[in-house]
Amino acid sequence: MVWQHGWERMVVLAFCWLAYPAPPAGLGADTEQRDYAILVDGKEAGQSRLTITVETDGTTVVAGTARVKINRVLFSYAFNVAATEWWKDGKLIGLKASSVENGKQTDVTAASDGTQLKLRLNGQDRTASAEAWTSSFWKLADARYHNKSIPVLEPDTGKEFTAQLQYIGTEQLTLLNQPQSCYHFRVSGGSYPIDVWFDRYHRLVRQEFTDTGHKTIVQLTAVKR
């Protein structure tokens, strides 16, 4: 799973629905696994995996892992994260994440009470918007937020910020050795802009951002259903 916060997260209304089609009613399977390569300055620095399961009651469970390791002459960095998100009716209803950054561990849990998300960050309690979109960006946010502001929750830090979700357009990307039409959006309002692309199922296929002069790309490499 990939989250955006520097090195460690190497993760429009009606007219927009006219601009691109809605995803099919079903994917033909209850579980899907997506693997991603994480590249920093053109070199592979880690991998990420998402396992998406749609349960019989309509709950979607998204389990993710990501690992980044960078060794340079004057810089070394290591980050690992494992997280699970629970979604229902288009809203985040639960979250559990544990990350280790250069030896420092952070644990985050969240649960919805129907009006807000109750978070616990390393034993400290706080709240977040019940409408929050997570910066795993595993799926495209609901149409009512396109070209509008949206609350974004960082699963591995528990931090929340207000972002602008801008629809850039439909673009052709080569994914899994095949050309595919993808929906390009830009998320701004955090530490730096993040470009994200989604396939026809409105699921993540690519992220791209530049932080402290380092260009990071997260690219889909495999899908298993």
C-alpha atoms as a PDB file:
ATOM      1  CA  MET A   1       0.000   0.000   0.000  1.00  0.00           C
ATOM      2  CA  VAL A   2       1.340   3.451  -0.778  1.00  0.00           C
ATOM      3  CA  TRP A   3       0.820   6.615   1.272  1.00  0.00           C
ATOM      4  CA  GLN A   4       1.978  10.121   0.525  1.00  0.00           C
ATOM      5  CA  HIS A   5       4.160  11.899   3.081  1.00  0.00           C
ATOM      6  CA  GLY A   6       7.651  12.299   1.690  1.00  0.00           C
ATOM      7  CA  TRP A   7       9.884   9.257   1.404  1.00  0.00           C
ATOM      8  CA  GLU A   8       7.775   7.197   3.764  1.00  0.00           C
ATOM      9  CA  ARG A   9       4.687   6.970   1.575  1.00  0.00           C
ATOM     10  CA  MET A  10       6.237   5.821  -1.634  1.00  0.00           C
ATOM     11  CA  VAL A  11       0.820   5.940  -1.990  1.00  0.00           C
ATOM     12  CA  VAL A  12     -16.698  17.035 -10.557  1.00  0.00           C
ATOM     13  CA  LEU A  13     -20.079  16.378 -10.438  1.00  0.00           C
ATOM     14  CA  ALA A  14     -22.477  15.278 -13.218  1.00  0.00           C
ATOM     15  CA  PHE A  15     -20.448  16.541 -16.174  1.00  0.00           C
ATOM     16  CA  CYS A  16     -17.525  14.400 -15.077  1.00  0.00           C
ATOM     17  CA  TRP A  17     -19.676  11.308 -15.173  1.00  0.00           C
ATOM     18  CA  LEU A  18     -20.417  12.266 -18.749  1.00  0.00           C
ATOM     19  CA  ALA A  19     -16.706  12.635 -19.351  1.00  0.00           C
ATOM     20  CA  TYR A  20     -15.930   9.070 -18.336  1.00  0.00           C
ATOM     21  CA  PRO A  21     -18.042   5.958 -17.766  1.00  0.00           C
ATOM     22  CA  ALA A  22     -18.973   4.398 -14.442  1.00  0.00           C
ATOM     23  CA  PRO A  23     -17.243   1.099 -13.588  1.00  0.00           C
ATOM     24  CA  PRO A  24     -18.990  -2.188 -14.326  1.00  0.00           C
ATOM     25  CA  ALA A  25     -21.440  -3.466 -11.730  1.00  0.00           C
ATOM     26  CA  GLY A  26     -19.112  -6.337 -10.777  1.00  0.00           C
ATOM     27  CA  LEU A  27     -15.477  -7.307 -11.253  1.00  0.00           C
ATOM     28  CA  GLY A  28     -16.231 -10.984 -11.610  1.00  0.00           C
ATOM     29  CA  ALA A  29     -14.426 -11.909  -8.384  1.00  0.00           C
ATOM     30  CA  ASP A  30     -14.653 -11.157  -4.663  1.00  0.00           C
ATOM     31  CA  THR A  31     -10.919 -10.640  -4.188  1.00  0.00           C
ATOM     32  CA  GLU A  32      -8.301  -8.827  -6.234  1.00  0.00           C
ATOM     33  CA  GLN A  33      -4.577  -8.414  -5.613  1.00  0.00           C
ATOM     34  CA  ARG A  34      -2.626  -5.492  -7.061  1.00  0.00           C
ATOM     35  CA  ASP A  35       1.156  -5.168  -6.983  1.00  0.00           C
ATOM     36  CA  TYR A  36       3.064  -1.935  -7.519  1.00  0.00           C
ATOM     37  CA  ALA A  37       6.693  -0.949  -8.030  1.00  0.00           C
ATOM     38  CA  ILE A  38       7.967   2.161  -6.241  1.00  0.00           C
ATOM     39  CA  LEU A  39      10.597   4.111  -8.166  1.00  0.00           C
ATOM     40  CA  VAL A  40      12.590   7.055  -6.811  1.00  0.00           C
ATOM     41  CA  ASP A  41      14.595   9.117  -9.307  1.00  0.00           C
ATOM     42  CA  GLY A  42      14.136   6.367 -11.871  1.00  0.00           C
ATOM     43  CA  LYS A  43      15.407   3.519  -9.668  1.00  0.00           C
ATOM     44  CA  GLU A  44      13.254   0.893  -7.977  1.00  0.00           C
ATOM     45  CA  ALA A  45      13.235   1.542  -4.219  1.00  0.00           C
ATOM     46  CA  GLY A  46      10.407  -0.677  -3.002  1.00  0.00           C
ATOM     47  CA  GLN A  47       7.207  -2.555  -3.608  1.00  0.00           C
ATOM     48  CA  SER A  48       3.606  -2.286  -2.521  1.00  0.00           C
ATOM     49  CA  ARG A  49       0.683  -4.710  -2.547  1.00  0.00           C
ATOM     50  CA  LEU A  50      -3.072  -4.206  -2.179  1.00  0.00           C
ATOM     51  CA  THR A  51      -5.531  -7.024  -1.574  1.00  0.00           C
ATOM     52  CA  ILE A  52      -9.124  -5.874  -2.081  1.00  0.00           C
ATOM     53  CA  THR A  53     -11.943  -8.111  -0.868  1.00  0.00           C
ATOM     54  CA  VAL A  54     -15.667  -7.392  -1.256  1.00  0.00           C
ATOM     55  CA  GLU A  55     -17.583  -9.231   1.454  1.00  0.00           C
ATOM     56  CA  THR A  56     -21.153 -10.519   1.199  1.00  0.00           C
ATOM     57  CA  ASP A  57     -22.539  -7.693   3.371  1.00  0.00           C
ATOM     58  CA  GLY A  58     -21.098  -5.068   1.008  1.00  0.00           C
ATOM     59  CA  THR A  59     -18.069  -4.218   3.121  1.00  0.00           C
ATOM     60  CA  THR A  60     -14.832  -3.774   1.172  1.00  0.00           C
ATOM     61  CA  VAL A  61     -11.662  -4.752   3.019  1.00  0.00           C
ATOM     62  CA  VAL A  62      -8.413  -3.336   1.674  1.00  0.00           C
ATOM     63  CA  ALA A  63      -5.247  -4.883   3.119  1.00  0.00           C
ATOM     64  CA  GLY A  64      -2.006  -3.267   2.070  1.00  0.00           C
ATOM     65  CA  THR A  65       1.730  -3.444   2.610  1.00  0.00           C
ATOM     66  CA  ALA A  66       4.585  -1.303   1.388  1.00  0.00           C
ATOM     67  CA  ARG A  67       8.324  -1.478   1.813  1.00  0.00           C
ATOM     68  CA  VAL A  68      10.883   1.145   0.813  1.00  0.00           C
ATOM     69  CA  LYS A  69      14.636   0.966   1.274  1.00  0.00           C
ATOM     70  CA  ILE A  70      17.089   3.538  -0.041  1.00  0.00           C
ATOM     71  CA  ASN A  71      20.868   3.317   0.320  1.00  0.00           C
ATOM     72  CA  ARG A  72      22.899   6.219  -0.983  1.00  0.00           C
ATOM     73  CA  VAL A  73      26.332   7.602  -0.239  1.00  0.00           C
ATOM     74  CA  LEU A  74      25.038  10.318   2.085  1.00  0.00           C
ATOM     75  CA  PHE A  75      21.552   9.011   2.748  1.00  0.00           C
ATOM     76  CA  SER A  76      19.890   5.798   3.854  1.00  0.00           C
ATOM     77  CA  TYR A  77      16.237   5.230   4.571  1.00  0.00           C
ATOM     78  CA  ALA A  78      13.942   2.329   5.472  1.00  0.00           C
ATOM     79  CA  PHE A  79      10.179   2.262   5.789  1.00  0.00           C
ATOM     80  CA  ASN A  80       7.662  -0.564   6.216  1.00  0.00           C
ATOM     81  CA  VAL A  81       3.916  -0.348   6.657  1.00  0.00           C
ATOM     82  CA  ALA A  82       1.014  -2.767   6.954  1.00  0.00           C
ATOM     83  CA  ALA A  83      -2.537  -1.451   7.021  1.00  0.00           C
ATOM     84  CA  THR A  84      -6.131  -2.533   6.630  1.00  0.00           C
ATOM     85  CA  GLU A  85      -9.037  -0.275   5.656  1.00  0.00           C
ATOM     86  CA  TRP A  86     -12.729  -1.168   5.934  1.00  0.00           C
ATOM     87  CA  TRP A  87     -15.196   0.614   3.625  1.00  0.00           C
ATOM     88  CA  LYS A  88     -18.974   0.439   3.294  1.00  0.00           C
ATOM     89  CA  ASP A  89     -21.436   2.519   1.270  1.00  0.00           C
ATOM     90  CA  GLY A  90     -18.526   4.570  -0.038  1.00  0.00           C
ATOM     91  CA  LYS A  91     -17.254   5.564   3.418  1.00  0.00           C
ATOM     92  CA  LEU A  92     -14.315   4.554   5.559  1.00  0.00           C
ATOM     93  CA  ILE A  93     -15.659   2.725   8.611  1.00  0.00           C
ATOM     94  CA  GLY A  94     -12.471   1.277  10.083  1.00  0.00           C
ATOM     95  CA  LEU A  95      -8.695   1.467   9.871  1.00  0.00           C
ATOM     96  CA  LYS A  96      -5.691  -0.242  11.414  1.00  0.00           C
ATOM     97  CA  ALA A  97      -2.132   0.667  10.408  1.00  0.00           C
ATOM     98  CA  SER A  98       1.333   0.001  11.785  1.00  0.00           C
ATOM     99  CA  SER A  99       4.459   1.527  10.279  1.00  0.00           C
ATOM    100  CA  VAL A 100       8.175   1.601  11.085  1.00  0.00           C
ATOM    101  CA  GLU A 101      10.276   4.450   9.725  1.00  0.00           C
ATOM    102  CA  ASN A 102      14.002   4.203  10.393  1.00  0.00           C
ATOM    103  CA  GLY A 103      13.233   2.211  13.525  1.00  0.00           C
ATOM    104  CA  LYS A 104      10.408   4.451  14.808  1.00  0.00           C
ATOM    105  CA  GLN A 105       7.032   2.731  15.051  1.00  0.00           C
ATOM    106  CA  THR A 106       3.646   4.420  14.617  1.00  0.00           C
ATOM    107  CA  ASP A 107       0.290   2.713  15.225  1.00  0.00           C
ATOM    108  CA  VAL A 108      -3.030   4.140  14.063  1.00  0.00           C
ATOM    109  CA  THR A 109      -6.567   2.807  14.479  1.00  0.00           C
ATOM    110  CA  ALA A 110      -9.866   4.377  13.495  1.00  0.00           C
ATOM    111  CA  ALA A 111     -13.550   3.486  13.702  1.00  0.00           C
ATOM    112  CA  SER A 112     -16.643   5.322  12.538  1.00  0.00           C
ATOM    113  CA  ASP A 113     -19.460   6.126  14.953  1.00  0.00           C
ATOM    114  CA  GLY A 114     -21.682   7.273  12.073  1.00  0.00           C
ATOM    115  CA  THR A 115     -20.925  10.981  12.428  1.00  0.00           C
ATOM    116  CA  GLN A 116     -17.120  11.044  12.648  1.00  0.00           C
ATOM    117  CA  LEU A 117     -14.051   8.852  12.731  1.00  0.00           C
ATOM    118  CA  LYS A 118     -12.565   8.191  16.138  1.00  0.00           C
ATOM    119  CA  LEU A 119      -8.803   7.808  15.824  1.00  0.00           C
ATOM    120  CA  ARG A 120      -6.120   6.570  18.163  1.00  0.00           C
ATOM    121  CA  LEU A 121      -2.531   7.498  17.292  1.00  0.00           C
ATOM    122  CA  ASN A 122       0.068   5.849  19.520  1.00  0.00           C
ATOM    123  CA  GLY A 123      -2.439   5.855  22.372  1.00  0.00           C
ATOM    124  CA  GLN A 124      -3.639   9.439  21.805  1.00  0.00           C
ATOM    125  CA  ASP A 125      -7.283   9.977  20.819  1.00  0.00           C
ATOM    126  CA  ARG A 126      -8.623  12.440  18.249  1.00  0.00           C
ATOM    127  CA  THR A 127     -11.303  12.633  15.555  1.00  0.00           C
ATOM    128  CA  ALA A 128     -11.472  12.983  11.777  1.00  0.00           C
ATOM    129  CA  SER A 129     -14.173  13.543   9.181  1.00  0.00           C
ATOM    130  CA  ALA A 130     -16.524  10.634   8.507  1.00  0.00           C
ATOM    131  CA  GLU A 131     -16.182  11.586   4.803  1.00  0.00           C
ATOM    132  CA  ALA A 132     -12.401  11.176   4.737  1.00  0.00           C
ATOM    133  CA  TRP A 133     -10.676   9.711   1.687  1.00  0.00           C
ATOM    134  CA  THR A 134      -7.460   7.916   2.597  1.00  0.00           C
ATOM    135  CA  SER A 135      -4.123   8.777   1.036  1.00  0.00           C
ATOM    136  CA  SER A 136      -3.670   5.155   0.046  1.00  0.00           C
ATOM    137  CA  PHE A 137      -5.782   6.362  -2.922  1.00  0.00           C
ATOM    138  CA  TRP A 138      -6.709   2.739  -3.614  1.00  0.00           C
ATOM    139  CA  LYS A 139      -9.953   3.885  -5.230  1.00  0.00           C
ATOM    140  CA  LEU A 140     -11.209   7.078  -6.812  1.00  0.00           C
ATOM    141  CA  ALA A 141     -13.181   9.312  -4.472  1.00  0.00           C
ATOM    142  CA  ASP A 142     -16.922   9.722  -5.006  1.00  0.00           C
ATOM    143  CA  ALA A 143     -18.030  11.966  -7.880  1.00  0.00           C
ATOM    144  CA  ARG A 144     -19.389  14.623  -5.530  1.00  0.00           C
ATOM    145  CA  TYR A 145     -15.787  15.491  -4.619  1.00  0.00           C
ATOM    146  CA  HIS A 146     -14.428  15.788  -8.155  1.00  0.00           C
ATOM    147  CA  ASN A 147     -13.123  19.297  -8.797  1.00  0.00           C
ATOM    148  CA  LYS A 148     -13.962  20.130  -5.186  1.00  0.00           C
ATOM    149  CA  SER A 149     -12.358  19.986  -1.760  1.00  0.00           C
ATOM    150  CA  ILE A 150     -12.158  16.666   0.099  1.00  0.00           C
ATOM    151  CA  PRO A 151     -10.854  15.644   3.534  1.00  0.00           C
ATOM    152  CA  VAL A 152      -7.874  13.281   3.235  1.00  0.00           C
ATOM    153  CA  LEU A 153      -6.688  11.031   6.064  1.00  0.00           C
ATOM    154  CA  GLU A 154      -3.129   9.667   6.126  1.00  0.00           C
ATOM    155  CA  PRO A 155      -3.481   6.090   7.459  1.00  0.00           C
ATOM    156  CA  ASP A 156       0.073   5.745   8.760  1.00  0.00           C
ATOM    157  CA  THR A 157       0.204   9.090  10.594  1.00  0.00           C
ATOM    158  CA  GLY A 158      -3.439   9.733  11.517  1.00  0.00           C
ATOM    159  CA  LYS A 159      -3.098  13.253  10.101  1.00  0.00           C
ATOM    160  CA  GLU A 160      -5.923  14.851   8.120  1.00  0.00           C
ATOM    161  CA  PHE A 161      -5.823  17.674   5.599  1.00  0.00           C
ATOM    162  CA  THR A 162      -8.210  19.317   3.159  1.00  0.00           C
ATOM    163  CA  ALA A 163      -7.286  18.627  -0.449  1.00  0.00           C
ATOM    164  CA  GLN A 164      -8.511  19.784  -3.833  1.00  0.00           C
ATOM    165  CA  LEU A 165      -9.306  16.902  -6.184  1.00  0.00           C
ATOM    166  CA  GLN A 166      -8.889  18.097  -9.770  1.00  0.00           C
ATOM    167  CA  TYR A 167      -9.901  16.018 -12.793  1.00  0.00           C
ATOM    168  CA  ILE A 168      -7.153  16.394 -15.423  1.00  0.00           C
ATOM    169  CA  GLY A 169      -8.551  14.137 -18.151  1.00  0.00           C
ATOM    170  CA  THR A 170      -8.584  10.696 -19.703  1.00  0.00           C
ATOM    171  CA  GLU A 171      -5.139   9.489 -20.758  1.00  0.00           C
ATOM    172  CA  GLN A 172      -3.623   6.409 -22.375  1.00  0.00           C
ATOM    173  CA  LEU A 173      -1.148   4.526 -20.163  1.00  0.00           C
ATOM    174  CA  THR A 174       0.679   1.306 -20.891  1.00  0.00           C
ATOM    175  CA  LEU A 175      -0.179  -1.052 -18.039  1.00  0.00           C
ATOM    176  CA  LEU A 176       0.709  -4.734 -17.877  1.00  0.00           C
ATOM    177  CA  ASN A 177       2.020  -4.418 -21.452  1.00  0.00           C
ATOM    178  CA  GLN A 178      -1.305  -3.134 -22.751  1.00  0.00           C
ATOM    179  CA  PRO A 179      -2.606   0.374 -23.507  1.00  0.00           C
ATOM    180  CA  GLN A 180      -5.433   1.409 -21.210  1.00  0.00           C
ATOM    181  CA  SER A 181      -7.571   4.521 -20.878  1.00  0.00           C
ATOM    182  CA  CYS A 182      -7.113   5.905 -17.384  1.00  0.00           C
ATOM    183  CA  TYR A 183      -8.581   8.793 -15.422  1.00  0.00           C
ATOM    184  CA  HIS A 184      -5.990  11.324 -14.316  1.00  0.00           C
ATOM    185  CA  PHE A 185      -6.625  13.388 -11.181  1.00  0.00           C
ATOM    186  CA  ARG A 186      -4.437  15.757  -9.167  1.00  0.00           C
ATOM    187  CA  VAL A 187      -4.568  15.987  -5.373  1.00  0.00           C
ATOM    188  CA  SER A 188      -3.297  19.284  -3.967  1.00  0.00           C
ATOM    189  CA  GLY A 189      -3.412  20.872  -0.542  1.00  0.00           C
ATOM    190  CA  GLY A 190      -0.904  18.619   1.213  1.00  0.00           C
ATOM    191  CA  SER A 191       2.867  19.007   1.319  1.00  0.00           C
ATOM    192  CA  TYR A 192       3.058  18.748  -2.488  1.00  0.00           C
ATOM    193  CA  PRO A 193       0.739  17.897  -5.423  1.00  0.00           C
ATOM    194  CA  ILE A 194       0.141  14.218  -6.125  1.00  0.00           C
ATOM    195  CA  ASP A 195      -0.992  12.954  -9.531  1.00  0.00           C
ATOM    196  CA  VAL A 196      -3.048   9.763  -9.468  1.00  0.00           C
ATOM    197  CA  TRP A 197      -4.446   7.611 -12.266  1.00  0.00           C
ATOM    198  CA  PHE A 198      -7.336   5.138 -12.045  1.00  0.00           C
ATOM    199  CA  ASP A 199      -8.500   2.385 -14.385  1.00  0.00           C
ATOM    200  CA  ARG A 200     -12.025   1.754 -15.644  1.00  0.00           C
ATOM    201  CA  TYR A 201     -12.868   0.123 -12.324  1.00  0.00           C
ATOM    202  CA  HIS A 202     -11.836   3.389 -10.601  1.00  0.00           C
ATOM    203  CA  ARG A 203      -8.959   1.618  -8.867  1.00  0.00           C
ATOM    204  CA  LEU A 204      -5.421   2.955  -8.554  1.00  0.00           C
ATOM    205  CA  VAL A 205      -2.874   2.202 -11.287  1.00  0.00           C
ATOM    206  CA  ARG A 206      -0.274   4.963 -10.848  1.00  0.00           C
ATOM    207  CA  GLN A 207       0.889   7.761  -8.548  1.00  0.00           C
ATOM    208  CA  GLU A 208       3.485  10.425  -9.234  1.00  0.00           C
ATOM    209  CA  PHE A 209       4.885  13.224  -7.085  1.00  0.00           C
ATOM    210  CA  THR A 210       8.083  15.154  -6.394  1.00  0.00           C
ATOM    211  CA  ASP A 211       9.254  15.712  -2.831  1.00  0.00           C
ATOM    212  CA  THR A 212      12.450  17.597  -1.910  1.00  0.00           C
ATOM    213  CA  GLY A 213      13.581  17.322  -5.509  1.00  0.00           C
ATOM    214  CA  HIS A 214      13.102  13.557  -5.766  1.00  0.00           C
ATOM    215  CA  LYS A 215      10.611  12.245  -8.289  1.00  0.00           C
ATOM    216  CA  THR A 216       8.636   9.234  -7.091  1.00  0.00           C
ATOM    217  CA  ILE A 217       6.480   6.989  -9.268  1.00  0.00           C
ATOM    218  CA  VAL A 218       4.255   4.169  -8.070  1.00  0.00           C
ATOM    219  CA  GLN A 219       3.293   1.929 -10.994  1.00  0.00           C
ATOM    220  CA  LEU A 220       0.963  -1.059 -11.232  1.00  0.00           C
ATOM    221  CA  THR A 221       2.917  -4.202 -12.161  1.00  0.00           C
ATOM    222  CA  ALA A 222       0.444  -7.082 -11.677  1.00  0.00           C
ATOM    223  CA  VAL A 223      -3.226  -7.842 -11.062  1.00  0.00           C
ATOM    224  CA  LYS A 224      -4.582 -11.170  -9.830  1.00  0.00           C
ATOM    225  CA  ARG A 225      -8.254 -11.994  -9.451  1.00  0.00           C
END
